[in-house]
N, C-alpha and C. Protein backbone atom coordinates (compact mmCIF):
# COMPACT_ATOMS: atom_id res chain seq x y z
N MET A 1 -32.99 24.93 21.30
CA MET A 1 -31.35 24.17 22.56
C MET A 1 -30.20 24.34 21.21
N MET A 2 -29.17 24.70 22.07
CA MET A 2 -28.06 24.81 21.72
C MET A 2 -27.03 23.72 21.10
N MET A 3 -26.47 23.00 20.08
CA MET A 3 -25.80 22.25 20.41
C MET A 3 -24.49 22.16 20.51
N SER A 4 -24.13 21.24 20.98
CA SER A 4 -22.46 21.29 21.55
C SER A 4 -21.33 21.10 19.95
N ALA A 5 -20.12 21.45 20.30
CA ALA A 5 -19.51 21.24 18.49
C ALA A 5 -19.30 19.67 18.65
N LEU A 6 -19.60 19.12 19.55
CA LEU A 6 -19.50 17.45 19.36
C LEU A 6 -20.70 17.05 18.87
N GLU A 7 -21.81 17.59 18.69
CA GLU A 7 -22.87 17.09 18.46
C GLU A 7 -23.29 17.80 17.04
N THR A 8 -22.17 18.74 16.10
CA THR A 8 -22.54 19.67 15.05
C THR A 8 -22.15 18.55 13.95
N ASN A 9 -22.74 18.79 12.91
CA ASN A 9 -22.22 17.69 12.09
C ASN A 9 -21.58 18.47 11.04
N PHE A 10 -20.35 18.79 10.48
CA PHE A 10 -20.01 19.64 9.69
C PHE A 10 -19.97 18.93 8.44
N GLY A 11 -20.35 17.27 8.17
CA GLY A 11 -20.50 16.93 6.93
C GLY A 11 -18.42 16.44 6.59
N GLN A 12 -18.76 15.42 5.54
CA GLN A 12 -17.68 14.66 5.40
C GLN A 12 -16.42 15.18 4.92
N THR A 13 -15.51 15.00 5.00
CA THR A 13 -14.21 15.77 4.68
C THR A 13 -13.87 15.52 3.35
N PRO A 14 -14.02 15.93 2.23
CA PRO A 14 -13.86 16.25 0.89
C PRO A 14 -12.54 15.00 0.64
N SER A 15 -12.68 13.62 -0.30
CA SER A 15 -11.62 13.16 -0.43
C SER A 15 -10.28 13.76 -1.17
N GLN A 16 -8.97 13.08 -1.05
CA GLN A 16 -8.13 13.35 -1.53
C GLN A 16 -7.56 12.12 -2.07
N THR A 17 -6.68 12.32 -3.18
CA THR A 17 -5.80 11.38 -3.77
C THR A 17 -5.07 10.75 -3.05
N VAL A 18 -4.95 9.68 -2.77
CA VAL A 18 -4.14 8.90 -1.90
C VAL A 18 -2.83 8.65 -2.40
N GLY A 19 -1.87 9.46 -1.99
CA GLY A 19 -0.11 9.22 -2.22
C GLY A 19 0.36 10.34 -3.47
N PRO A 20 1.30 10.28 -4.39
CA PRO A 20 1.92 9.26 -4.35
C PRO A 20 3.23 9.48 -2.94
N TYR A 21 2.92 8.27 -1.74
CA TYR A 21 3.91 8.28 -0.73
C TYR A 21 4.47 6.74 -1.11
N PHE A 22 3.85 6.06 -1.80
CA PHE A 22 4.56 4.59 -1.31
C PHE A 22 5.96 4.32 -1.79
N ALA A 23 6.21 4.99 -3.05
CA ALA A 23 7.79 4.79 -3.41
C ALA A 23 8.13 5.87 -2.89
N TYR A 24 8.40 6.74 -2.70
CA TYR A 24 9.14 7.79 -1.78
C TYR A 24 9.52 6.89 -0.75
N GLY A 25 8.41 6.66 0.38
CA GLY A 25 8.44 6.39 1.93
C GLY A 25 9.41 4.80 1.60
N LEU A 26 8.79 4.64 0.48
CA LEU A 26 9.58 2.87 1.31
C LEU A 26 10.54 2.28 0.49
N THR A 27 10.97 3.18 -0.76
CA THR A 27 12.42 3.37 -1.35
C THR A 27 13.07 4.39 -1.24
N ALA A 28 13.14 4.70 0.02
CA ALA A 28 13.62 5.78 0.06
C ALA A 28 15.14 6.34 -0.28
N THR A 29 16.14 5.49 -0.13
CA THR A 29 17.47 5.47 -0.69
C THR A 29 17.73 5.88 -2.35
N GLN A 30 16.42 4.57 -2.57
CA GLN A 30 16.37 4.86 -4.44
C GLN A 30 15.89 6.52 -4.68
N TYR A 31 15.17 7.07 -3.82
CA TYR A 31 14.65 8.38 -4.42
C TYR A 31 15.40 9.79 -3.71
N GLY A 32 16.92 8.95 -2.92
CA GLY A 32 17.64 10.18 -2.67
C GLY A 32 17.73 10.65 -1.08
N TYR A 33 16.47 10.26 -0.18
CA TYR A 33 16.33 10.33 0.94
C TYR A 33 17.39 9.53 1.97
N ASP A 34 17.62 10.60 2.65
CA ASP A 34 18.69 9.97 4.09
C ASP A 34 18.28 9.29 4.82
N PHE A 35 17.56 8.45 4.62
CA PHE A 35 17.57 7.14 5.80
C PHE A 35 17.12 5.64 4.97
N ASP A 36 17.43 4.93 5.94
CA ASP A 36 17.39 3.50 5.40
C ASP A 36 16.28 2.51 4.15
N GLN A 37 16.68 1.90 3.77
CA GLN A 37 15.75 1.30 2.65
C GLN A 37 15.77 -0.10 2.68
N PRO A 38 14.95 -0.72 3.68
CA PRO A 38 15.40 -2.13 3.86
C PRO A 38 15.51 -3.18 2.96
N PHE A 39 14.58 -3.14 1.77
CA PHE A 39 14.68 -3.88 0.63
C PHE A 39 15.00 -3.00 -0.25
N ASP A 40 15.37 -3.63 -1.56
CA ASP A 40 15.71 -3.10 -2.75
C ASP A 40 15.55 -3.61 -4.15
N ALA A 41 16.15 -3.53 -5.23
CA ALA A 41 16.34 -4.28 -6.42
C ALA A 41 17.72 -5.47 -6.37
N HIS A 42 18.03 -5.56 -5.41
CA HIS A 42 19.03 -6.55 -5.41
C HIS A 42 18.30 -8.01 -4.66
N VAL A 43 17.19 -8.78 -5.02
CA VAL A 43 16.95 -9.75 -4.34
C VAL A 43 17.93 -11.05 -4.37
N ALA A 44 19.04 -11.18 -5.11
CA ALA A 44 19.80 -12.31 -5.27
C ALA A 44 21.17 -11.68 -5.09
N LEU A 45 21.98 -11.93 -3.84
CA LEU A 45 23.17 -11.68 -3.78
C LEU A 45 24.25 -12.66 -4.03
N ASP A 46 25.42 -12.29 -3.70
CA ASP A 46 26.56 -13.21 -4.15
C ASP A 46 26.22 -15.05 -3.11
N GLY A 47 26.64 -15.84 -4.18
CA GLY A 47 25.91 -17.32 -3.85
C GLY A 47 24.59 -18.16 -3.46
N ALA A 48 23.72 -16.78 -4.53
CA ALA A 48 22.50 -17.57 -4.41
C ALA A 48 22.28 -18.18 -5.37
N ARG A 49 21.64 -19.44 -5.22
CA ARG A 49 21.20 -20.42 -5.71
C ARG A 49 20.52 -20.38 -7.03
N GLY A 50 20.91 -20.68 -8.31
CA GLY A 50 19.50 -20.02 -9.32
C GLY A 50 20.67 -19.29 -10.37
N GLU A 51 19.88 -19.22 -11.28
CA GLU A 51 19.99 -18.86 -12.58
C GLU A 51 19.79 -17.65 -12.64
N ARG A 52 21.14 -16.33 -12.31
CA ARG A 52 21.04 -15.31 -12.46
C ARG A 52 20.17 -14.45 -13.64
N ILE A 53 19.04 -13.82 -13.13
CA ILE A 53 17.99 -13.22 -14.22
C ILE A 53 17.99 -11.65 -13.95
N ARG A 54 17.89 -10.94 -14.56
CA ARG A 54 16.90 -9.44 -14.44
C ARG A 54 15.76 -9.59 -14.94
N LEU A 55 15.05 -8.76 -13.92
CA LEU A 55 13.52 -9.07 -14.15
C LEU A 55 12.82 -7.19 -14.60
N GLU A 56 12.22 -7.34 -15.66
CA GLU A 56 12.52 -5.45 -15.76
C GLU A 56 10.87 -5.62 -16.19
N GLY A 57 10.85 -4.50 -16.17
CA GLY A 57 9.46 -3.85 -17.02
C GLY A 57 8.54 -2.61 -16.77
N ARG A 58 7.52 -2.12 -17.04
CA ARG A 58 6.91 -1.08 -16.41
C ARG A 58 5.31 -1.05 -16.51
N VAL A 59 5.06 -0.26 -15.49
CA VAL A 59 3.52 -0.13 -14.85
C VAL A 59 2.75 0.71 -15.69
N ILE A 60 1.50 0.11 -16.14
CA ILE A 60 0.96 0.83 -17.73
C ILE A 60 -0.37 1.33 -17.58
N ASP A 61 -0.49 2.48 -17.85
CA ASP A 61 -2.18 3.08 -17.43
C ASP A 61 -2.84 2.39 -18.31
N GLY A 62 -4.29 2.86 -18.05
CA GLY A 62 -5.08 2.50 -19.30
C GLY A 62 -5.39 3.37 -20.61
N ASP A 63 -4.34 4.16 -20.62
CA ASP A 63 -4.06 4.75 -21.74
C ASP A 63 -2.59 4.59 -22.67
N GLY A 64 -1.80 3.69 -21.83
CA GLY A 64 -0.62 2.96 -22.52
C GLY A 64 0.29 3.68 -21.98
N ASN A 65 0.54 4.86 -20.97
CA ASN A 65 2.12 5.53 -20.70
C ASN A 65 1.87 4.55 -19.55
N PRO A 66 3.06 4.93 -19.40
CA PRO A 66 3.84 3.86 -17.94
C PRO A 66 3.75 4.83 -16.67
N ILE A 67 3.26 4.66 -15.58
CA ILE A 67 3.10 5.42 -14.40
C ILE A 67 4.69 5.53 -13.59
N ASN A 68 4.69 6.56 -13.24
CA ASN A 68 6.17 7.05 -13.25
C ASN A 68 6.29 7.24 -11.19
N ASP A 69 5.18 7.18 -11.03
CA ASP A 69 5.30 6.85 -9.04
C ASP A 69 4.46 5.55 -8.51
N ALA A 70 4.56 4.38 -9.19
CA ALA A 70 4.23 3.36 -9.17
C ALA A 70 5.25 2.38 -8.03
N LEU A 71 5.03 1.56 -7.36
CA LEU A 71 5.86 1.13 -6.22
C LEU A 71 5.77 -0.38 -6.56
N VAL A 72 6.52 -1.45 -7.11
CA VAL A 72 6.49 -2.84 -7.35
C VAL A 72 7.25 -3.29 -6.20
N GLU A 73 6.26 -4.67 -5.40
CA GLU A 73 7.14 -5.72 -4.69
C GLU A 73 7.09 -6.64 -5.13
N ILE A 74 8.40 -7.57 -5.10
CA ILE A 74 8.07 -9.10 -5.22
C ILE A 74 8.86 -10.07 -4.34
N SER A 75 7.89 -11.00 -4.01
CA SER A 75 8.74 -12.23 -3.41
C SER A 75 8.81 -13.62 -3.94
N GLN A 76 9.92 -14.41 -3.67
CA GLN A 76 9.97 -15.52 -4.41
C GLN A 76 11.03 -16.57 -3.79
N PRO A 77 11.03 -17.78 -4.27
CA PRO A 77 11.87 -18.52 -3.48
C PRO A 77 13.03 -18.62 -4.38
N ASP A 78 14.22 -18.91 -4.26
CA ASP A 78 15.51 -19.52 -4.79
C ASP A 78 15.23 -20.12 -6.19
N GLY A 79 16.74 -20.63 -6.71
CA GLY A 79 16.54 -21.58 -7.87
C GLY A 79 15.93 -22.69 -7.37
N THR A 80 16.42 -23.37 -6.02
CA THR A 80 15.80 -24.69 -5.43
C THR A 80 14.25 -24.77 -4.71
N GLY A 81 13.78 -23.50 -5.18
CA GLY A 81 12.33 -23.36 -4.71
C GLY A 81 12.05 -23.03 -3.24
N GLU A 82 13.11 -22.80 -2.63
CA GLU A 82 13.01 -22.81 -0.95
C GLU A 82 13.43 -21.50 -0.70
N TYR A 83 12.53 -20.88 0.48
CA TYR A 83 12.99 -19.86 0.86
C TYR A 83 13.76 -19.66 2.14
N PRO A 84 14.71 -18.71 2.32
CA PRO A 84 15.33 -18.30 3.51
C PRO A 84 14.40 -18.29 4.93
N GLN A 85 14.54 -19.07 5.73
CA GLN A 85 14.08 -19.44 7.03
C GLN A 85 14.36 -17.84 7.75
N SER A 86 14.75 -17.52 7.68
CA SER A 86 15.63 -16.25 8.85
C SER A 86 16.42 -14.98 7.99
N VAL A 87 16.44 -14.06 8.50
CA VAL A 87 17.50 -12.95 8.00
C VAL A 87 19.18 -13.78 8.18
N ASP A 88 19.42 -14.35 8.90
CA ASP A 88 20.78 -15.08 9.22
C ASP A 88 20.88 -15.70 7.72
N VAL A 89 19.83 -16.70 7.69
CA VAL A 89 19.99 -17.74 6.35
C VAL A 89 19.72 -16.82 5.57
N ALA A 90 19.15 -16.23 5.28
CA ALA A 90 19.10 -15.41 4.25
C ALA A 90 20.59 -14.72 3.67
N ARG A 91 20.99 -14.04 4.75
CA ARG A 91 22.66 -13.81 4.99
C ARG A 91 23.43 -14.86 4.28
N GLU A 92 23.38 -15.72 4.87
CA GLU A 92 24.19 -16.81 4.75
C GLU A 92 23.96 -17.17 2.89
N ILE A 93 23.08 -17.59 2.87
CA ILE A 93 22.72 -18.08 1.28
C ILE A 93 22.98 -16.90 0.36
N GLY A 94 23.19 -15.55 0.65
CA GLY A 94 23.34 -14.68 -0.49
C GLY A 94 21.74 -14.58 -1.13
N PHE A 95 20.74 -14.94 -0.25
CA PHE A 95 19.32 -14.29 -1.13
C PHE A 95 18.49 -13.88 -0.32
N ARG A 96 17.79 -12.64 -0.56
CA ARG A 96 16.58 -11.98 0.48
C ARG A 96 15.54 -12.29 0.04
N ALA A 97 15.14 -12.91 -1.15
CA ALA A 97 13.86 -13.56 -1.32
C ALA A 97 12.42 -12.27 -1.34
N PHE A 98 12.74 -10.89 -1.23
CA PHE A 98 12.00 -9.81 -1.37
C PHE A 98 12.62 -8.75 -1.78
N GLY A 99 11.97 -8.20 -3.19
CA GLY A 99 12.29 -6.83 -3.57
C GLY A 99 11.51 -5.75 -3.65
N ARG A 100 12.20 -4.46 -3.78
CA ARG A 100 10.98 -3.47 -3.92
C ARG A 100 11.45 -2.39 -4.80
N VAL A 101 10.79 -1.81 -5.34
CA VAL A 101 11.47 -1.03 -5.92
C VAL A 101 10.43 0.18 -6.94
N GLY A 102 10.40 1.82 -6.81
CA GLY A 102 9.67 2.64 -7.06
C GLY A 102 9.96 2.85 -8.69
N THR A 103 9.44 2.97 -9.62
CA THR A 103 9.27 3.65 -10.86
C THR A 103 9.86 4.54 -11.39
N GLY A 104 9.64 5.68 -10.64
CA GLY A 104 10.05 7.07 -10.67
C GLY A 104 11.87 7.50 -10.87
N THR A 105 12.75 6.79 -10.87
CA THR A 105 14.12 7.23 -10.98
C THR A 105 14.51 6.52 -12.09
N ASP A 106 13.83 5.87 -12.67
CA ASP A 106 14.20 4.95 -14.47
C ASP A 106 14.13 6.06 -14.94
N ALA A 107 14.60 6.42 -16.43
CA ALA A 107 14.21 7.27 -17.41
C ALA A 107 12.97 6.43 -18.19
N GLN A 108 12.99 5.57 -18.18
CA GLN A 108 11.67 5.15 -18.88
C GLN A 108 10.66 4.36 -17.44
N ASN A 109 10.89 5.00 -16.47
CA ASN A 109 9.74 4.43 -15.75
C ASN A 109 9.77 3.24 -15.67
N ARG A 110 11.02 2.12 -15.71
CA ARG A 110 10.67 0.68 -15.44
C ARG A 110 11.57 0.33 -14.12
N PHE A 111 10.68 -0.82 -13.85
CA PHE A 111 11.16 -1.40 -12.74
C PHE A 111 12.37 -2.47 -12.79
N VAL A 112 13.27 -2.76 -12.39
CA VAL A 112 14.14 -3.74 -12.50
C VAL A 112 14.68 -4.26 -11.26
N PHE A 113 14.88 -5.87 -11.63
CA PHE A 113 15.02 -6.45 -10.16
C PHE A 113 16.32 -7.45 -10.62
N HIS A 114 17.37 -7.89 -9.78
CA HIS A 114 18.36 -8.38 -9.69
C HIS A 114 18.18 -9.29 -9.00
N THR A 115 18.03 -10.80 -9.66
CA THR A 115 17.19 -11.84 -8.57
C THR A 115 18.07 -12.92 -9.59
N VAL A 116 17.39 -14.10 -9.21
CA VAL A 116 17.22 -15.45 -9.54
C VAL A 116 16.22 -16.23 -10.16
N LYS A 117 16.02 -17.06 -10.99
CA LYS A 117 14.79 -17.57 -11.78
C LYS A 117 14.69 -18.74 -10.34
N PRO A 118 13.33 -18.63 -9.91
CA PRO A 118 13.18 -19.17 -9.12
C PRO A 118 12.77 -20.78 -9.05
N GLY A 119 12.75 -21.57 -8.34
CA GLY A 119 12.56 -23.14 -8.52
C GLY A 119 10.77 -23.49 -8.72
N ALA A 120 10.04 -24.32 -8.48
CA ALA A 120 9.03 -24.73 -8.02
C ALA A 120 9.06 -24.87 -6.62
N GLU A 121 8.06 -24.38 -5.83
CA GLU A 121 7.76 -24.50 -4.60
C GLU A 121 7.55 -26.07 -4.11
N THR A 122 6.61 -26.39 -5.20
CA THR A 122 5.96 -27.83 -4.94
C THR A 122 5.91 -28.38 -6.00
N SER A 123 5.30 -29.93 -6.11
CA SER A 123 5.28 -30.59 -7.22
C SER A 123 4.25 -30.12 -7.94
N GLY A 124 4.06 -29.92 -9.28
CA GLY A 124 2.99 -29.45 -10.06
C GLY A 124 2.85 -28.39 -10.08
N GLU A 125 3.26 -27.44 -9.36
CA GLU A 125 3.34 -25.78 -9.51
C GLU A 125 4.53 -24.98 -10.32
N ALA A 126 4.14 -24.41 -11.38
CA ALA A 126 5.27 -23.95 -12.57
C ALA A 126 6.22 -22.91 -11.44
N PRO A 127 7.17 -22.42 -11.59
CA PRO A 127 8.02 -21.49 -11.31
C PRO A 127 7.67 -20.07 -11.74
N HIS A 128 7.35 -19.48 -10.53
CA HIS A 128 6.66 -17.87 -10.70
C HIS A 128 6.85 -16.90 -9.36
N ILE A 129 7.15 -15.40 -9.65
CA ILE A 129 7.32 -14.66 -8.63
C ILE A 129 6.00 -14.15 -8.51
N ASN A 130 5.51 -14.12 -7.22
CA ASN A 130 4.66 -12.81 -6.82
C ASN A 130 4.66 -11.24 -6.30
N VAL A 131 3.86 -10.64 -7.15
CA VAL A 131 4.08 -9.78 -7.60
C VAL A 131 2.79 -8.50 -6.78
N ILE A 132 3.49 -7.58 -6.14
CA ILE A 132 2.25 -6.39 -5.64
C ILE A 132 2.53 -5.28 -6.10
N VAL A 133 1.06 -4.52 -6.45
CA VAL A 133 1.45 -3.11 -7.42
C VAL A 133 1.05 -2.24 -6.11
N LEU A 134 1.55 -1.18 -5.99
CA LEU A 134 1.23 -0.12 -5.15
C LEU A 134 0.93 1.20 -5.98
N MET A 135 0.07 2.51 -6.13
CA MET A 135 0.46 3.47 -6.59
C MET A 135 -0.38 4.38 -6.24
N ARG A 136 -0.33 5.72 -6.45
CA ARG A 136 -1.37 6.90 -6.14
C ARG A 136 -2.71 6.59 -6.42
N GLY A 137 -3.75 6.78 -5.93
CA GLY A 137 -5.36 7.04 -6.02
C GLY A 137 -5.71 5.17 -6.02
N MET A 138 -4.74 4.21 -5.08
CA MET A 138 -5.17 2.82 -5.04
C MET A 138 -5.36 2.76 -3.78
N LEU A 139 -6.59 2.55 -3.15
CA LEU A 139 -6.32 2.45 -1.45
C LEU A 139 -5.77 1.03 -1.00
N LEU A 140 -6.01 -0.07 -2.41
CA LEU A 140 -5.62 -1.25 -1.76
C LEU A 140 -4.74 -1.94 -3.15
N HIS A 141 -3.65 -2.68 -2.58
CA HIS A 141 -2.63 -3.02 -3.57
C HIS A 141 -3.19 -3.97 -4.68
N ALA A 142 -2.82 -4.11 -5.60
CA ALA A 142 -3.38 -5.53 -6.74
C ALA A 142 -2.13 -6.46 -6.39
N PHE A 143 -2.39 -7.55 -6.46
CA PHE A 143 -1.71 -8.82 -6.80
C PHE A 143 -1.66 -9.74 -7.99
N THR A 144 -0.47 -9.90 -8.46
CA THR A 144 -0.63 -10.95 -9.61
C THR A 144 1.12 -11.62 -9.54
N ARG A 145 1.27 -12.22 -10.63
CA ARG A 145 1.83 -13.25 -10.59
C ARG A 145 2.90 -13.22 -11.70
N ILE A 146 4.09 -13.44 -12.11
CA ILE A 146 4.95 -13.94 -13.11
C ILE A 146 5.13 -15.08 -12.98
N TYR A 147 4.85 -15.68 -14.47
CA TYR A 147 5.48 -16.97 -14.93
C TYR A 147 6.27 -16.60 -15.87
N PHE A 148 7.10 -17.67 -16.41
CA PHE A 148 8.20 -17.50 -17.27
C PHE A 148 7.93 -18.53 -19.17
N SER A 149 8.20 -17.48 -19.63
CA SER A 149 7.69 -18.24 -21.32
C SER A 149 8.84 -19.41 -21.74
N ASP A 150 9.55 -19.51 -21.08
CA ASP A 150 10.63 -21.01 -21.57
C ASP A 150 10.08 -22.03 -20.33
N GLU A 151 8.98 -21.82 -19.54
CA GLU A 151 8.68 -22.95 -18.53
C GLU A 151 7.36 -23.51 -19.46
N ALA A 152 6.99 -23.56 -20.26
CA ALA A 152 5.52 -23.83 -21.13
C ALA A 152 5.08 -25.02 -20.68
N GLU A 153 5.95 -26.16 -20.13
CA GLU A 153 5.28 -27.33 -19.97
C GLU A 153 4.66 -27.46 -18.33
N ALA A 154 5.39 -26.73 -17.50
CA ALA A 154 5.45 -26.41 -16.14
C ALA A 154 4.09 -25.53 -16.18
N ASN A 155 3.90 -24.70 -16.62
CA ASN A 155 3.09 -23.61 -16.73
C ASN A 155 1.39 -24.68 -17.29
N GLY A 156 1.93 -25.18 -18.49
CA GLY A 156 0.48 -25.89 -18.64
C GLY A 156 -0.08 -27.06 -17.52
N LYS A 157 0.61 -26.95 -16.50
CA LYS A 157 0.77 -27.86 -15.59
C LYS A 157 -0.06 -26.84 -13.75
N ASP A 158 0.10 -26.15 -14.01
CA ASP A 158 -0.18 -24.62 -13.02
C ASP A 158 -1.65 -24.93 -12.73
N ALA A 159 -1.98 -25.02 -11.55
CA ALA A 159 -3.55 -24.91 -11.19
C ALA A 159 -3.86 -23.49 -11.01
N VAL A 160 -3.23 -22.65 -10.83
CA VAL A 160 -3.12 -21.07 -10.72
C VAL A 160 -3.42 -20.37 -11.85
N LEU A 161 -2.39 -20.82 -12.70
CA LEU A 161 -2.61 -20.50 -14.34
C LEU A 161 -3.61 -21.03 -14.93
N ASN A 162 -4.04 -22.17 -14.81
CA ASN A 162 -5.07 -22.50 -15.29
C ASN A 162 -6.34 -22.58 -15.01
N SER A 163 -6.78 -21.45 -14.08
CA SER A 163 -7.81 -20.79 -13.45
C SER A 163 -8.06 -19.76 -14.17
N VAL A 164 -7.00 -19.50 -14.96
CA VAL A 164 -7.03 -18.09 -15.66
C VAL A 164 -7.51 -18.69 -16.91
N PRO A 165 -8.51 -17.52 -17.31
CA PRO A 165 -9.04 -17.90 -19.06
C PRO A 165 -8.15 -17.83 -19.78
N SER A 166 -7.99 -18.83 -20.89
CA SER A 166 -6.49 -19.12 -21.77
C SER A 166 -6.25 -18.10 -22.59
N GLU A 167 -7.12 -17.14 -23.10
CA GLU A 167 -7.02 -15.98 -23.61
C GLU A 167 -6.30 -14.50 -22.75
N ARG A 168 -6.02 -14.97 -21.67
CA ARG A 168 -5.43 -14.24 -21.09
C ARG A 168 -4.65 -14.33 -19.99
N ARG A 169 -3.63 -15.71 -20.34
CA ARG A 169 -2.93 -16.11 -19.29
C ARG A 169 -1.51 -15.47 -20.02
N ASN A 170 -1.77 -15.25 -21.28
CA ASN A 170 -0.31 -14.44 -21.71
C ASN A 170 0.15 -13.16 -20.72
N THR A 171 -1.12 -13.10 -20.21
CA THR A 171 -0.64 -11.28 -19.41
C THR A 171 -0.01 -11.68 -18.12
N LEU A 172 0.34 -12.85 -18.13
CA LEU A 172 0.72 -13.08 -16.67
C LEU A 172 2.18 -13.89 -16.86
N ILE A 173 2.87 -13.88 -18.48
CA ILE A 173 3.99 -14.36 -18.91
C ILE A 173 4.73 -13.70 -18.74
N ALA A 174 6.28 -13.90 -18.33
CA ALA A 174 7.71 -13.01 -18.71
C ALA A 174 7.87 -13.29 -19.80
N LYS A 175 8.63 -12.27 -20.90
CA LYS A 175 9.66 -13.10 -21.89
C LYS A 175 10.91 -12.80 -21.53
N ARG A 176 11.26 -14.07 -22.11
CA ARG A 176 13.19 -14.59 -22.11
C ARG A 176 13.78 -13.65 -23.09
N SER A 177 14.74 -13.26 -22.69
CA SER A 177 15.97 -12.68 -23.88
C SER A 177 17.42 -12.77 -23.45
N GLU A 178 18.09 -12.76 -24.27
CA GLU A 178 19.58 -13.04 -23.66
C GLU A 178 20.22 -12.36 -24.33
N SER A 179 21.50 -11.72 -24.19
CA SER A 179 22.18 -10.60 -24.61
C SER A 179 23.60 -10.73 -24.01
N GLY A 180 24.76 -10.97 -24.42
CA GLY A 180 25.87 -11.42 -24.08
C GLY A 180 26.23 -12.19 -22.68
N GLY A 181 25.32 -13.49 -22.70
CA GLY A 181 25.47 -14.16 -21.74
C GLY A 181 24.43 -13.64 -20.46
N ALA A 182 23.72 -12.57 -20.71
CA ALA A 182 22.80 -11.99 -19.38
C ALA A 182 21.71 -12.43 -19.79
N VAL A 183 20.44 -13.07 -18.99
CA VAL A 183 19.39 -13.49 -19.07
C VAL A 183 18.40 -12.53 -18.72
N THR A 184 17.42 -11.59 -19.37
CA THR A 184 16.64 -10.53 -19.21
C THR A 184 15.17 -11.32 -19.35
N TYR A 185 13.85 -10.78 -18.00
CA TYR A 185 12.80 -11.25 -18.39
C TYR A 185 11.70 -10.11 -18.34
N ARG A 186 11.24 -9.87 -19.36
CA ARG A 186 10.42 -8.56 -19.64
C ARG A 186 8.90 -8.86 -19.17
N PHE A 187 8.45 -7.91 -18.10
CA PHE A 187 7.22 -8.37 -17.97
C PHE A 187 6.30 -6.62 -17.80
N ASP A 188 5.42 -6.51 -18.45
CA ASP A 188 4.89 -5.21 -17.99
C ASP A 188 3.75 -5.37 -17.61
N ILE A 189 3.20 -4.85 -16.48
CA ILE A 189 2.06 -4.68 -16.08
C ILE A 189 1.11 -3.46 -16.29
N HIS A 190 -0.27 -4.58 -16.72
CA HIS A 190 -1.06 -3.43 -17.66
C HIS A 190 -2.44 -3.02 -16.36
N MET A 191 -2.24 -1.72 -15.63
CA MET A 191 -3.38 -1.60 -14.88
C MET A 191 -4.78 -1.89 -15.46
N GLN A 192 -5.37 -1.41 -16.47
CA GLN A 192 -5.75 -1.00 -17.30
C GLN A 192 -6.37 -1.50 -19.12
N GLY A 193 -7.33 -1.56 -19.67
CA GLY A 193 -7.30 -1.64 -21.12
C GLY A 193 -7.58 -2.97 -21.59
N PRO A 194 -7.43 -2.92 -22.74
CA PRO A 194 -7.54 -4.42 -23.51
C PRO A 194 -6.48 -5.33 -22.97
N ALA A 195 -4.90 -4.78 -22.70
CA ALA A 195 -4.29 -6.04 -22.15
C ALA A 195 -3.86 -5.98 -20.71
N GLU A 196 -5.58 -5.66 -19.97
CA GLU A 196 -4.99 -5.47 -18.54
C GLU A 196 -4.33 -7.13 -17.87
N THR A 197 -3.40 -6.57 -17.14
CA THR A 197 -2.59 -7.86 -16.54
C THR A 197 -3.65 -8.76 -15.88
N VAL A 198 -3.91 -9.82 -15.27
CA VAL A 198 -4.65 -10.60 -14.43
C VAL A 198 -4.05 -10.17 -12.97
N PHE A 199 -5.28 -9.84 -12.15
CA PHE A 199 -5.16 -9.93 -10.91
C PHE A 199 -6.12 -10.82 -9.80
N PHE A 200 -5.12 -10.79 -8.67
CA PHE A 200 -6.00 -11.78 -8.37
C PHE A 200 -6.36 -11.22 -6.40
N ASP A 201 -7.23 -11.81 -6.35
CA ASP A 201 -7.86 -11.86 -5.01
C ASP A 201 -6.88 -12.76 -3.93
N VAL A 202 -6.73 -11.89 -3.02
CA VAL A 202 -6.02 -12.60 -2.33
C VAL A 202 -6.30 -12.12 -0.64
């Protein structure tokens, strides 16, 4: 009996590398494409409540090399620990609460965000920034958090941070530096290797 085309099994299509579409497609303006990019590196605009900071770092592979096609997204409250409840409120207070940057247009393959240091959202919780990482070859995003080196007391009481083995908590701490009155926090994201960043199941 002759089989129809629908009954014929041609086998599984060979798998292909995923991407690198995330950074190009979701941060189009950054990569020079002529269509809108709804979010970018500027999380805090004029009037945002909180201490102005620059958050920078690299996404690093298991061999210690910076990844040039990663996409980093952050979400956070403002310096009072609050998120804007609407687009209109975000515009009014100058705080967008969300940022998105690709690592492929910086000479050092860094992500750089211009924001404010967040306040604690609830009592007993340390100030932190939520982070999502996407890149070529990853079917699912990786989720982590950024805590701050100058919040040792609050960090010591944070339930999520303290659920991480003590020897690995440093992978979630951004280091503060100041130069000319500008505050920078440095946070490298290690995808693999001995210094691998702690990622969370969400």
